[in-house]
PDB file of N, CA and C in Angstrom:
ATOM      1  N   MET A   1      40.698 142.716 111.852  1.00  0.00           N
ATOM      2  CA  MET A   1      39.709 141.889 110.831  1.00  0.00           C
ATOM      3  C   MET A   1      39.754 140.420 111.009  1.00  0.00           C
ATOM      4  N   ASN A   2      38.602 139.785 111.161  1.00  0.00           N
ATOM      5  CA  ASN A   2      38.615 138.278 111.172  1.00  0.00           C
ATOM      6  C   ASN A   2      39.171 137.633 110.317  1.00  0.00           C
ATOM      7  N   PRO A   3      40.120 136.637 110.432  1.00  0.00           N
ATOM      8  CA  PRO A   3      40.595 135.792 108.923  1.00  0.00           C
ATOM      9  C   PRO A   3      39.498 134.769 108.429  1.00  0.00           C
ATOM     10  N   SER A   4      38.708 134.602 109.315  1.00  0.00           N
ATOM     11  CA  SER A   4      37.577 133.236 108.974  1.00  0.00           C
ATOM     12  C   SER A   4      36.657 133.614 109.883  1.00  0.00           C
ATOM     13  N   PRO A   5      35.188 133.190 109.048  1.00  0.00           N
ATOM     14  CA  PRO A   5      34.035 132.912 109.961  1.00  0.00           C
ATOM     15  C   PRO A   5      33.974 131.884 110.967  1.00  0.00           C
ATOM     16  N   ALA A   6      34.830 131.042 110.774  1.00  0.00           N
ATOM     17  CA  ALA A   6      35.113 129.575 111.630  1.00  0.00           C
ATOM     18  C   ALA A   6      35.772 130.175 112.967  1.00  0.00           C
ATOM     19  N   LEU A   7      36.165 131.089 113.038  1.00  0.00           N
ATOM     20  CA  LEU A   7      37.283 131.628 113.961  1.00  0.00           C
ATOM     21  C   LEU A   7      36.616 132.917 114.574  1.00  0.00           C
ATOM     22  N   ARG A   8      36.364 133.026 115.977  1.00  0.00           N
ATOM     23  CA  ARG A   8      36.058 134.324 116.199  1.00  0.00           C
ATOM     24  C   ARG A   8      36.858 134.685 117.664  1.00  0.00           C
ATOM     25  N   ASP A   9      37.066 135.918 118.006  1.00  0.00           N
ATOM     26  CA  ASP A   9      37.513 136.246 119.180  1.00  0.00           C
ATOM     27  C   ASP A   9      36.733 135.973 120.126  1.00  0.00           C
ATOM     28  N   HIS A  10      37.422 135.666 121.654  1.00  0.00           N
ATOM     29  CA  HIS A  10      36.691 135.445 122.690  1.00  0.00           C
ATOM     30  C   HIS A  10      37.712 136.182 123.799  1.00  0.00           C
ATOM     31  N   PRO A  11      37.146 136.741 124.742  1.00  0.00           N
ATOM     32  CA  PRO A  11      37.956 137.280 126.062  1.00  0.00           C
ATOM     33  C   PRO A  11      39.137 136.276 126.239  1.00  0.00           C
ATOM     34  N   GLU A  12      38.888 134.971 126.359  1.00  0.00           N
ATOM     35  CA  GLU A  12      39.908 134.005 127.032  1.00  0.00           C
ATOM     36  C   GLU A  12      40.812 133.688 125.915  1.00  0.00           C
ATOM     37  N   GLY A  13      40.643 134.058 124.618  1.00  0.00           N
ATOM     38  CA  GLY A  13      41.370 133.346 123.068  1.00  0.00           C
ATOM     39  C   GLY A  13      40.506 133.588 122.178  1.00  0.00           C
ATOM     40  N   CYS A  14      40.253 132.533 121.692  1.00  0.00           N
ATOM     41  CA  CYS A  14      39.306 132.397 120.301  1.00  0.00           C
ATOM     42  C   CYS A  14      38.597 131.015 120.314  1.00  0.00           C
ATOM     43  N   THR A  15      37.418 131.206 119.364  1.00  0.00           N
ATOM     44  CA  THR A  15      36.813 130.161 119.194  1.00  0.00           C
ATOM     45  C   THR A  15      36.881 129.496 117.933  1.00  0.00           C
ATOM     46  N   LEU A  16      36.582 128.017 117.833  1.00  0.00           N
ATOM     47  CA  LEU A  16      36.827 127.474 116.366  1.00  0.00           C
ATOM     48  C   LEU A  16      35.477 126.811 116.413  1.00  0.00           C
ATOM     49  N   ALA A  17      34.836 127.139 115.325  1.00  0.00           N
ATOM     50  CA  ALA A  17      33.557 126.217 114.761  1.00  0.00           C
ATOM     51  C   ALA A  17      33.920 125.070 113.745  1.00  0.00           C
ATOM     52  N   LEU A  18      33.384 123.949 114.505  1.00  0.00           N
ATOM     53  CA  LEU A  18      33.773 122.914 113.704  1.00  0.00           C
ATOM     54  C   LEU A  18      32.444 121.800 113.336  1.00  0.00           C
ATOM     55  N   ARG A  19      32.843 121.014 112.299  1.00  0.00           N
ATOM     56  CA  ARG A  19      31.552 119.933 112.059  1.00  0.00           C
ATOM     57  C   ARG A  19      32.515 118.625 111.865  1.00  0.00           C
ATOM     58  N   VAL A  20      32.439 117.705 112.925  1.00  0.00           N
ATOM     59  CA  VAL A  20      32.741 116.807 113.293  1.00  0.00           C
ATOM     60  C   VAL A  20      32.508 115.411 112.512  1.00  0.00           C
ATOM     61  N   GLN A  21      33.370 114.678 111.960  1.00  0.00           N
ATOM     62  CA  GLN A  21      33.038 113.597 111.615  1.00  0.00           C
ATOM     63  C   GLN A  21      33.593 112.712 112.188  1.00  0.00           C
ATOM     64  N   PRO A  22      33.094 111.566 113.048  1.00  0.00           N
ATOM     65  CA  PRO A  22      33.676 110.650 113.918  1.00  0.00           C
ATOM     66  C   PRO A  22      34.047 109.311 113.392  1.00  0.00           C
ATOM     67  N   GLY A  23      34.889 108.692 113.862  1.00  0.00           N
ATOM     68  CA  GLY A  23      34.864 107.018 113.211  1.00  0.00           C
ATOM     69  C   GLY A  23      35.644 107.401 111.662  1.00  0.00           C
ATOM     70  N   ALA A  24      36.420 107.755 111.758  1.00  0.00           N
ATOM     71  CA  ALA A  24      37.509 108.129 110.652  1.00  0.00           C
ATOM     72  C   ALA A  24      38.640 107.350 110.526  1.00  0.00           C
ATOM     73  N   ARG A  25      39.429 107.100 109.464  1.00  0.00           N
ATOM     74  CA  ARG A  25      40.588 106.330 109.841  1.00  0.00           C
ATOM     75  C   ARG A  25      41.707 107.329 110.546  1.00  0.00           C
ATOM     76  N   LYS A  26      41.696 108.525 110.368  1.00  0.00           N
ATOM     77  CA  LYS A  26      42.688 109.407 111.490  1.00  0.00           C
ATOM     78  C   LYS A  26      42.004 110.698 111.455  1.00  0.00           C
ATOM     79  N   ALA A  27      42.884 111.345 112.438  1.00  0.00           N
ATOM     80  CA  ALA A  27      42.492 112.580 112.851  1.00  0.00           C
ATOM     81  C   ALA A  27      43.102 113.580 111.757  1.00  0.00           C
ATOM     82  N   ALA A  28      42.261 114.555 111.179  1.00  0.00           N
ATOM     83  CA  ALA A  28      42.823 115.371 110.300  1.00  0.00           C
ATOM     84  C   ALA A  28      41.668 116.508 110.337  1.00  0.00           C
ATOM     85  N   PHE A  29      42.264 117.789 109.667  1.00  0.00           N
ATOM     86  CA  PHE A  29      41.253 118.464 109.349  1.00  0.00           C
ATOM     87  C   PHE A  29      40.971 118.363 107.672  1.00  0.00           C
ATOM     88  N   LEU A  30      39.634 118.562 107.131  1.00  0.00           N
ATOM     89  CA  LEU A  30      39.235 118.151 106.037  1.00  0.00           C
ATOM     90  C   LEU A  30      39.096 119.445 105.097  1.00  0.00           C
ATOM     91  N   GLY A  31      39.209 120.614 106.119  1.00  0.00           N
ATOM     92  CA  GLY A  31      38.876 121.962 105.024  1.00  0.00           C
ATOM     93  C   GLY A  31      37.918 122.807 105.404  1.00  0.00           C
ATOM     94  N   LEU A  32      37.253 123.682 104.992  1.00  0.00           N
ATOM     95  CA  LEU A  32      35.932 124.452 105.329  1.00  0.00           C
ATOM     96  C   LEU A  32      34.764 123.756 104.788  1.00  0.00           C
ATOM     97  N   THR A  33      33.856 123.992 105.456  1.00  0.00           N
ATOM     98  CA  THR A  33      32.475 123.707 104.937  1.00  0.00           C
ATOM     99  C   THR A  33      32.102 124.653 103.798  1.00  0.00           C
ATOM    100  N   ALA A  34      31.172 124.446 102.776  1.00  0.00           N
ATOM    101  CA  ALA A  34      30.930 125.233 101.704  1.00  0.00           C
ATOM    102  C   ALA A  34      30.696 126.487 101.995  1.00  0.00           C
ATOM    103  N   ASP A  35      30.246 126.826 103.143  1.00  0.00           N
ATOM    104  CA  ASP A  35      29.609 128.259 103.557  1.00  0.00           C
ATOM    105  C   ASP A  35      31.012 128.937 104.259  1.00  0.00           C
ATOM    106  N   GLY A  36      31.921 128.256 104.761  1.00  0.00           N
ATOM    107  CA  GLY A  36      33.007 128.794 105.060  1.00  0.00           C
ATOM    108  C   GLY A  36      32.896 128.792 106.525  1.00  0.00           C
ATOM    109  N   ALA A  37      31.645 128.526 107.084  1.00  0.00           N
ATOM    110  CA  ALA A  37      31.265 128.967 108.742  1.00  0.00           C
ATOM    111  C   ALA A  37      31.792 128.033 109.539  1.00  0.00           C
ATOM    112  N   GLN A  38      32.340 126.767 109.413  1.00  0.00           N
ATOM    113  CA  GLN A  38      32.961 125.868 110.031  1.00  0.00           C
ATOM    114  C   GLN A  38      34.186 125.211 109.241  1.00  0.00           C
ATOM    115  N   TRP A  39      34.980 124.743 110.115  1.00  0.00           N
ATOM    116  CA  TRP A  39      36.096 123.925 109.817  1.00  0.00           C
ATOM    117  C   TRP A  39      35.591 122.202 109.602  1.00  0.00           C
ATOM    118  N   ARG A  40      35.876 121.494 108.798  1.00  0.00           N
ATOM    119  CA  ARG A  40      35.605 120.200 108.745  1.00  0.00           C
ATOM    120  C   ARG A  40      36.243 119.375 109.203  1.00  0.00           C
ATOM    121  N   ILE A  41      36.401 118.280 110.358  1.00  0.00           N
ATOM    122  CA  ILE A  41      37.374 117.907 111.082  1.00  0.00           C
ATOM    123  C   ILE A  41      37.043 116.266 111.185  1.00  0.00           C
ATOM    124  N   ALA A  42      37.979 115.322 110.854  1.00  0.00           N
ATOM    125  CA  ALA A  42      37.824 113.851 110.950  1.00  0.00           C
ATOM    126  C   ALA A  42      38.592 113.385 112.025  1.00  0.00           C
ATOM    127  N   ILE A  43      37.845 112.495 112.987  1.00  0.00           N
ATOM    128  CA  ILE A  43      38.427 111.986 114.206  1.00  0.00           C
ATOM    129  C   ILE A  43      38.199 110.697 114.314  1.00  0.00           C
ATOM    130  N   ALA A  44      39.146 110.048 114.945  1.00  0.00           N
ATOM    131  CA  ALA A  44      39.282 108.533 114.672  1.00  0.00           C
ATOM    132  C   ALA A  44      38.295 107.875 115.507  1.00  0.00           C
ATOM    133  N   ALA A  45      38.204 108.135 116.750  1.00  0.00           N
ATOM    134  CA  ALA A  45      37.175 107.640 117.951  1.00  0.00           C
ATOM    135  C   ALA A  45      35.769 107.910 117.340  1.00  0.00           C
ATOM    136  N   PRO A  46      34.890 106.608 117.659  1.00  0.00           N
ATOM    137  CA  PRO A  46      33.680 106.565 117.668  1.00  0.00           C
ATOM    138  C   PRO A  46      32.667 107.415 118.644  1.00  0.00           C
ATOM    139  N   PRO A  47      31.397 107.956 117.994  1.00  0.00           N
ATOM    140  CA  PRO A  47      30.774 108.959 118.801  1.00  0.00           C
ATOM    141  C   PRO A  47      30.024 108.114 120.058  1.00  0.00           C
ATOM    142  N   VAL A  48      30.925 107.461 120.677  1.00  0.00           N
ATOM    143  CA  VAL A  48      30.119 106.687 121.899  1.00  0.00           C
ATOM    144  C   VAL A  48      30.545 107.188 123.162  1.00  0.00           C
ATOM    145  N   GLU A  49      29.716 107.520 124.339  1.00  0.00           N
ATOM    146  CA  GLU A  49      29.768 107.872 125.292  1.00  0.00           C
ATOM    147  C   GLU A  49      30.988 109.104 125.471  1.00  0.00           C
ATOM    148  N   GLY A  50      30.994 109.709 124.732  1.00  0.00           N
ATOM    149  CA  GLY A  50      31.987 111.074 124.694  1.00  0.00           C
ATOM    150  C   GLY A  50      33.392 110.788 124.336  1.00  0.00           C
ATOM    151  N   SER A  51      33.424 109.623 123.846  1.00  0.00           N
ATOM    152  CA  SER A  51      35.129 109.426 123.314  1.00  0.00           C
ATOM    153  C   SER A  51      35.372 110.377 122.154  1.00  0.00           C
ATOM    154  N   ALA A  52      34.511 110.462 121.408  1.00  0.00           N
ATOM    155  CA  ALA A  52      34.873 111.383 120.268  1.00  0.00           C
ATOM    156  C   ALA A  52      35.291 112.737 120.802  1.00  0.00           C
ATOM    157  N   ASN A  53      34.582 113.428 121.567  1.00  0.00           N
ATOM    158  CA  ASN A  53      34.550 114.621 121.930  1.00  0.00           C
ATOM    159  C   ASN A  53      35.908 114.823 122.672  1.00  0.00           C
ATOM    160  N   GLN A  54      36.524 113.643 123.099  1.00  0.00           N
ATOM    161  CA  GLN A  54      37.808 113.727 124.058  1.00  0.00           C
ATOM    162  C   GLN A  54      38.654 113.375 123.195  1.00  0.00           C
ATOM    163  N   ALA A  55      38.799 112.622 122.270  1.00  0.00           N
ATOM    164  CA  ALA A  55      39.770 112.576 121.057  1.00  0.00           C
ATOM    165  C   ALA A  55      39.889 113.941 120.428  1.00  0.00           C
ATOM    166  N   LEU A  56      38.782 114.456 120.037  1.00  0.00           N
ATOM    167  CA  LEU A  56      38.709 116.070 119.472  1.00  0.00           C
ATOM    168  C   LEU A  56      39.548 117.052 120.345  1.00  0.00           C
ATOM    169  N   LEU A  57      39.168 117.145 121.432  1.00  0.00           N
ATOM    170  CA  LEU A  57      40.051 117.802 122.115  1.00  0.00           C
ATOM    171  C   LEU A  57      41.559 117.426 122.539  1.00  0.00           C
ATOM    172  N   ARG A  58      41.757 116.441 122.628  1.00  0.00           N
ATOM    173  CA  ARG A  58      43.098 115.725 122.673  1.00  0.00           C
ATOM    174  C   ARG A  58      44.036 116.404 121.155  1.00  0.00           C
ATOM    175  N   PHE A  59      43.276 116.087 120.159  1.00  0.00           N
ATOM    176  CA  PHE A  59      43.912 116.087 118.654  1.00  0.00           C
ATOM    177  C   PHE A  59      43.846 117.798 118.673  1.00  0.00           C
ATOM    178  N   LEU A  60      42.955 118.685 119.056  1.00  0.00           N
ATOM    179  CA  LEU A  60      43.226 120.310 119.099  1.00  0.00           C
ATOM    180  C   LEU A  60      44.273 120.675 119.738  1.00  0.00           C
ATOM    181  N   ALA A  61      44.415 119.962 121.181  1.00  0.00           N
ATOM    182  CA  ALA A  61      45.405 120.399 121.806  1.00  0.00           C
ATOM    183  C   ALA A  61      46.795 120.164 121.575  1.00  0.00           C
ATOM    184  N   HIS A  62      46.809 119.133 120.997  1.00  0.00           N
ATOM    185  CA  HIS A  62      48.110 118.823 120.195  1.00  0.00           C
ATOM    186  C   HIS A  62      48.239 119.747 119.273  1.00  0.00           C
ATOM    187  N   TYR A  63      47.326 119.692 118.117  1.00  0.00           N
ATOM    188  CA  TYR A  63      47.577 120.577 116.916  1.00  0.00           C
ATOM    189  C   TYR A  63      47.920 122.031 117.028  1.00  0.00           C
ATOM    190  N   PHE A  64      47.528 122.461 118.089  1.00  0.00           N
ATOM    191  CA  PHE A  64      47.809 124.006 118.327  1.00  0.00           C
ATOM    192  C   PHE A  64      48.829 124.132 119.496  1.00  0.00           C
ATOM    193  N   SER A  65      49.262 123.098 119.851  1.00  0.00           N
ATOM    194  CA  SER A  65      50.360 123.040 121.022  1.00  0.00           C
ATOM    195  C   SER A  65      50.252 123.926 122.264  1.00  0.00           C
ATOM    196  N   LEU A  66      48.627 123.374 122.616  1.00  0.00           N
ATOM    197  CA  LEU A  66      47.831 123.874 123.899  1.00  0.00           C
ATOM    198  C   LEU A  66      48.376 122.622 124.832  1.00  0.00           C
ATOM    199  N   SER A  67      48.047 122.948 126.195  1.00  0.00           N
ATOM    200  CA  SER A  67      47.458 122.005 127.040  1.00  0.00           C
ATOM    201  C   SER A  67      46.184 121.616 126.807  1.00  0.00           C
ATOM    202  N   ARG A  68      45.997 120.410 127.289  1.00  0.00           N
ATOM    203  CA  ARG A  68      44.517 120.027 126.983  1.00  0.00           C
ATOM    204  C   ARG A  68      43.698 120.705 127.971  1.00  0.00           C
ATOM    205  N   ALA A  69      44.240 121.208 128.919  1.00  0.00           N
ATOM    206  CA  ALA A  69      43.216 122.016 129.790  1.00  0.00           C
ATOM    207  C   ALA A  69      42.531 123.423 129.296  1.00  0.00           C
ATOM    208  N   SER A  70      43.631 123.674 128.069  1.00  0.00           N
ATOM    209  CA  SER A  70      43.367 125.036 127.507  1.00  0.00           C
ATOM    210  C   SER A  70      42.525 124.906 126.276  1.00  0.00           C
ATOM    211  N   VAL A  71      41.814 123.704 126.157  1.00  0.00           N
ATOM    212  CA  VAL A  71      40.799 123.525 125.141  1.00  0.00           C
ATOM    213  C   VAL A  71      39.712 122.830 125.557  1.00  0.00           C
ATOM    214  N   CYS A  72      38.471 123.612 125.186  1.00  0.00           N
ATOM    215  CA  CYS A  72      37.273 123.190 125.942  1.00  0.00           C
ATOM    216  C   CYS A  72      36.069 123.483 125.005  1.00  0.00           C
ATOM    217  N   LEU A  73      35.131 122.248 125.057  1.00  0.00           N
ATOM    218  CA  LEU A  73      33.859 122.294 124.424  1.00  0.00           C
ATOM    219  C   LEU A  73      33.145 123.212 124.737  1.00  0.00           C
ATOM    220  N   LEU A  74      32.704 124.434 124.253  1.00  0.00           N
ATOM    221  CA  LEU A  74      31.517 125.322 124.727  1.00  0.00           C
ATOM    222  C   LEU A  74      30.135 124.920 124.050  1.00  0.00           C
ATOM    223  N   ASN A  75      30.038 124.202 122.852  1.00  0.00           N
ATOM    224  CA  ASN A  75      28.715 124.063 122.481  1.00  0.00           C
ATOM    225  C   ASN A  75      28.868 122.864 121.403  1.00  0.00           C
ATOM    226  N   GLY A  76      27.984 121.857 121.512  1.00  0.00           N
ATOM    227  CA  GLY A  76      27.356 120.775 120.786  1.00  0.00           C
ATOM    228  C   GLY A  76      28.355 119.598 121.507  1.00  0.00           C
ATOM    229  N   GLU A  77      27.853 119.382 122.820  1.00  0.00           N
ATOM    230  CA  GLU A  77      28.439 117.731 122.950  1.00  0.00           C
ATOM    231  C   GLU A  77      27.809 116.852 122.630  1.00  0.00           C
ATOM    232  N   ARG A  78      26.536 116.612 122.094  1.00  0.00           N
ATOM    233  CA  ARG A  78      25.893 115.607 121.220  1.00  0.00           C
ATOM    234  C   ARG A  78      25.595 115.746 119.914  1.00  0.00           C
ATOM    235  N   SER A  79      26.246 116.914 119.142  1.00  0.00           N
ATOM    236  CA  SER A  79      26.280 117.268 117.993  1.00  0.00           C
ATOM    237  C   SER A  79      27.572 117.315 117.116  1.00  0.00           C
ATOM    238  N   ARG A  80      27.334 116.862 115.617  1.00  0.00           N
ATOM    239  CA  ARG A  80      28.509 117.026 114.840  1.00  0.00           C
ATOM    240  C   ARG A  80      28.962 118.669 114.763  1.00  0.00           C
ATOM    241  N   ASP A  81      28.231 119.329 114.966  1.00  0.00           N
ATOM    242  CA  ASP A  81      28.207 120.667 114.812  1.00  0.00           C
ATOM    243  C   ASP A  81      28.871 121.293 116.547  1.00  0.00           C
ATOM    244  N   LYS A  82      30.268 121.831 116.476  1.00  0.00           N
ATOM    245  CA  LYS A  82      31.069 122.079 117.941  1.00  0.00           C
ATOM    246  C   LYS A  82      31.440 123.460 117.741  1.00  0.00           C
ATOM    247  N   VAL A  83      31.510 124.085 118.828  1.00  0.00           N
ATOM    248  CA  VAL A  83      32.129 125.330 119.333  1.00  0.00           C
ATOM    249  C   VAL A  83      33.254 124.989 120.268  1.00  0.00           C
ATOM    250  N   ILE A  84      34.357 125.169 119.782  1.00  0.00           N
ATOM    251  CA  ILE A  84      35.991 124.803 120.998  1.00  0.00           C
ATOM    252  C   ILE A  84      36.103 126.462 121.398  1.00  0.00           C
ATOM    253  N   LEU A  85      36.800 126.333 122.700  1.00  0.00           N
ATOM    254  CA  LEU A  85      37.328 127.364 122.855  1.00  0.00           C
ATOM    255  C   LEU A  85      38.922 127.191 123.381  1.00  0.00           C
ATOM    256  N   LEU A  86      39.778 127.924 122.376  1.00  0.00           N
ATOM    257  CA  LEU A  86      41.258 127.679 122.372  1.00  0.00           C
ATOM    258  C   LEU A  86      41.539 128.887 123.388  1.00  0.00           C
ATOM    259  N   ARG A  87      41.897 128.567 124.883  1.00  0.00           N
ATOM    260  CA  ARG A  87      42.188 129.475 125.554  1.00  0.00           C
ATOM    261  C   ARG A  87      43.628 129.936 125.427  1.00  0.00           C
ATOM    262  N   GLY A  88      43.893 131.345 125.510  1.00  0.00           N
ATOM    263  CA  GLY A  88      45.500 131.803 125.277  1.00  0.00           C
ATOM    264  C   GLY A  88      46.109 131.718 123.775  1.00  0.00           C
ATOM    265  N   LEU A  89      44.999 131.708 122.828  1.00  0.00           N
ATOM    266  CA  LEU A  89      45.348 131.601 121.501  1.00  0.00           C
ATOM    267  C   LEU A  89      44.407 132.600 120.606  1.00  0.00           C
ATOM    268  N   ALA A  90      45.375 133.707 120.257  1.00  0.00           N
ATOM    269  CA  ALA A  90      44.481 134.542 119.382  1.00  0.00           C
ATOM    270  C   ALA A  90      44.231 134.237 118.127  1.00  0.00           C
ATOM    271  N   THR A  91      43.139 134.800 117.814  1.00  0.00           N
ATOM    272  CA  THR A  91      42.581 134.389 116.658  1.00  0.00           C
ATOM    273  C   THR A  91      43.541 134.390 115.322  1.00  0.00           C
ATOM    274  N   THR A  92      44.130 135.606 115.088  1.00  0.00           N
ATOM    275  CA  THR A  92      45.120 135.852 114.128  1.00  0.00           C
ATOM    276  C   THR A  92      46.235 134.291 114.397  1.00  0.00           C
ATOM    277  N   ALA A  93      46.754 134.174 115.445  1.00  0.00           N
ATOM    278  CA  ALA A  93      47.663 132.928 115.576  1.00  0.00           C
ATOM    279  C   ALA A  93      47.164 131.712 115.031  1.00  0.00           C
ATOM    280  N   ALA A  94      45.689 131.302 115.421  1.00  0.00           N
ATOM    281  CA  ALA A  94      45.193 130.193 115.365  1.00  0.00           C
ATOM    282  C   ALA A  94      44.831 130.281 113.945  1.00  0.00           C
ATOM    283  N   ALA A  95      44.487 131.120 113.271  1.00  0.00           N
ATOM    284  CA  ALA A  95      44.581 130.999 111.539  1.00  0.00           C
ATOM    285  C   ALA A  95      45.716 130.704 110.994  1.00  0.00           C
ATOM    286  N   ALA A  96      46.679 131.276 111.329  1.00  0.00           N
ATOM    287  CA  ALA A  96      48.008 130.894 110.802  1.00  0.00           C
ATOM    288  C   ALA A  96      48.396 129.470 110.961  1.00  0.00           C
ATOM    289  N   LEU A  97      47.943 128.811 111.943  1.00  0.00           N
ATOM    290  CA  LEU A  97      47.986 127.371 112.030  1.00  0.00           C
ATOM    291  C   LEU A  97      47.169 126.579 111.321  1.00  0.00           C
ATOM    292  N   LEU A  98      46.006 126.907 110.960  1.00  0.00           N
ATOM    293  CA  LEU A  98      44.832 125.980 110.307  1.00  0.00           C
ATOM    294  C   LEU A  98      45.756 125.823 108.720  1.00  0.00           C
ATOM    295  N   PRO A  99      45.246 124.456 108.160  1.00  0.00           N
ATOM    296  CA  PRO A  99      45.877 124.469 106.946  1.00  0.00           C
ATOM    297  C   PRO A  99      45.119 125.116 105.760  1.00  0.00           C
TER     298      PRO A  99
END
């Protein structure tokens, strides 16, 4: 059973659907969107030349204790709505780590 619609099984691990708020004071999870389909996340980096995407991937790698190479942006390079692949992390393990 899937613990959250924002998390999905993937052959390489799991995917995490996010709504990103760049330019925040600090990086942090802000909770689920109203429909529960995405996690809202704040990132301190501005949305300029991919810096927010890189900061997001570094934050998620640190948060989930994964290598930076294990965290990959699958969809949403130029959008606030993104899908992230967490390689080697099961959906249930990711759900247990989320706030």
